[in-house]
Amino acid sequence: MPKKKVKNKKPSAKWKKYKIDNNTVVRKKSCPKCGLDSFLADHKDRLYCGKCHYVEYKGK
């Protein structure tokens, strides 16, 4: 039996964590305690590191 095609597959969102400045790739936001090896998760009211539990609250 052939495989079925997946409809409405969500594309990868890895590109949202980086930006391009003058032909170089730059990471958007990383944890100040852990360094460049972990990203900060972007929630509605805060930025959160899942590795060391560091939190930055967003201003109003």
C-alpha atoms as a PDB file:
ATOM      1  CA  MET A   1       0.000   0.000   0.000  1.00  0.00           C
ATOM      2  CA  PRO A   2       1.502   3.429  -0.920  1.00  0.00           C
ATOM      3  CA  LYS A   3       2.021   6.067   1.734  1.00  0.00           C
ATOM      4  CA  LYS A   4      -0.531   8.827   2.021  1.00  0.00           C
ATOM      5  CA  LYS A   5       0.524  12.428   1.565  1.00  0.00           C
ATOM      6  CA  VAL A   6       0.312  14.564   4.694  1.00  0.00           C
ATOM      7  CA  LYS A   7      -2.006  17.516   4.261  1.00  0.00           C
ATOM      8  CA  ASN A   8      -1.435  20.851   5.995  1.00  0.00           C
ATOM      9  CA  LYS A   9       1.999  19.908   7.289  1.00  0.00           C
ATOM     10  CA  LYS A  10       3.496  22.680   9.420  1.00  0.00           C
ATOM     11  CA  PRO A  11       6.837  23.964   8.040  1.00  0.00           C
ATOM     12  CA  SER A  12       9.939  24.138  10.207  1.00  0.00           C
ATOM     13  CA  ALA A  13      10.343  27.278  12.352  1.00  0.00           C
ATOM     14  CA  LYS A  14      14.107  26.985  12.877  1.00  0.00           C
ATOM     15  CA  TRP A  15      14.752  30.035  10.713  1.00  0.00           C
ATOM     16  CA  LYS A  16      12.899  32.281  13.215  1.00  0.00           C
ATOM     17  CA  LYS A  17      15.760  31.956  15.734  1.00  0.00           C
ATOM     18  CA  TYR A  18      18.318  33.596  13.446  1.00  0.00           C
ATOM     19  CA  LYS A  19      18.648  36.863  11.517  1.00  0.00           C
ATOM     20  CA  ILE A  20      20.982  37.966   8.729  1.00  0.00           C
ATOM     21  CA  ASP A  21      23.161  41.083   9.105  1.00  0.00           C
ATOM     22  CA  ASN A  22      25.574  42.040   6.323  1.00  0.00           C
ATOM     23  CA  ASN A  23      25.774  38.493   4.890  1.00  0.00           C
ATOM     24  CA  THR A  24      26.426  36.920   8.323  1.00  0.00           C
ATOM     25  CA  VAL A  25      24.042  34.774  10.344  1.00  0.00           C
ATOM     26  CA  VAL A  26      23.373  36.024  13.899  1.00  0.00           C
ATOM     27  CA  ARG A  27      21.468  34.273  16.692  1.00  0.00           C
ATOM     28  CA  LYS A  28      18.550  36.354  17.949  1.00  0.00           C
ATOM     29  CA  LYS A  29      18.447  35.745  21.705  1.00  0.00           C
ATOM     30  CA  SER A  30      20.523  33.344  23.787  1.00  0.00           C
ATOM     31  CA  CYS A  31      20.748  32.792  27.536  1.00  0.00           C
ATOM     32  CA  PRO A  32      23.268  35.050  29.334  1.00  0.00           C
ATOM     33  CA  LYS A  33      23.995  32.349  31.956  1.00  0.00           C
ATOM     34  CA  CYS A  34      24.307  29.296  29.658  1.00  0.00           C
ATOM     35  CA  GLY A  35      25.966  31.099  26.776  1.00  0.00           C
ATOM     36  CA  LEU A  36      25.404  30.548  23.064  1.00  0.00           C
ATOM     37  CA  ASP A  37      24.432  26.892  23.371  1.00  0.00           C
ATOM     38  CA  SER A  38      20.802  27.532  24.441  1.00  0.00           C
ATOM     39  CA  PHE A  39      18.051  29.811  23.166  1.00  0.00           C
ATOM     40  CA  LEU A  40      15.508  31.732  25.221  1.00  0.00           C
ATOM     41  CA  ALA A  41      11.924  30.649  24.597  1.00  0.00           C
ATOM     42  CA  ASP A  42       9.712  33.578  23.584  1.00  0.00           C
ATOM     43  CA  HIS A  43       6.461  33.533  25.581  1.00  0.00           C
ATOM     44  CA  LYS A  44       3.733  36.178  25.690  1.00  0.00           C
ATOM     45  CA  ASP A  45       5.101  38.052  28.715  1.00  0.00           C
ATOM     46  CA  ARG A  46       8.610  36.649  29.246  1.00  0.00           C
ATOM     47  CA  LEU A  47      11.749  35.059  27.768  1.00  0.00           C
ATOM     48  CA  TYR A  48      12.624  31.728  29.423  1.00  0.00           C
ATOM     49  CA  CYS A  49      15.625  29.382  29.398  1.00  0.00           C
ATOM     50  CA  GLY A  50      14.594  25.746  29.862  1.00  0.00           C
ATOM     51  CA  LYS A  51      18.102  24.648  30.771  1.00  0.00           C
ATOM     52  CA  CYS A  52      18.890  26.890  33.775  1.00  0.00           C
ATOM     53  CA  HIS A  53      15.376  28.392  34.323  1.00  0.00           C
ATOM     54  CA  TYR A  54      16.538  31.983  33.697  1.00  0.00           C
ATOM     55  CA  VAL A  55      13.627  34.419  33.114  1.00  0.00           C
ATOM     56  CA  GLU A  56      13.525  37.884  31.517  1.00  0.00           C
ATOM     57  CA  TYR A  57      10.174  39.641  31.772  1.00  0.00           C
ATOM     58  CA  LYS A  58       9.036  41.798  28.874  1.00  0.00           C
ATOM     59  CA  GLY A  59       8.151  45.406  29.634  1.00  0.00           C
ATOM     60  CA  LYS A  60       4.751  46.844  28.958  1.00  0.00           C
END
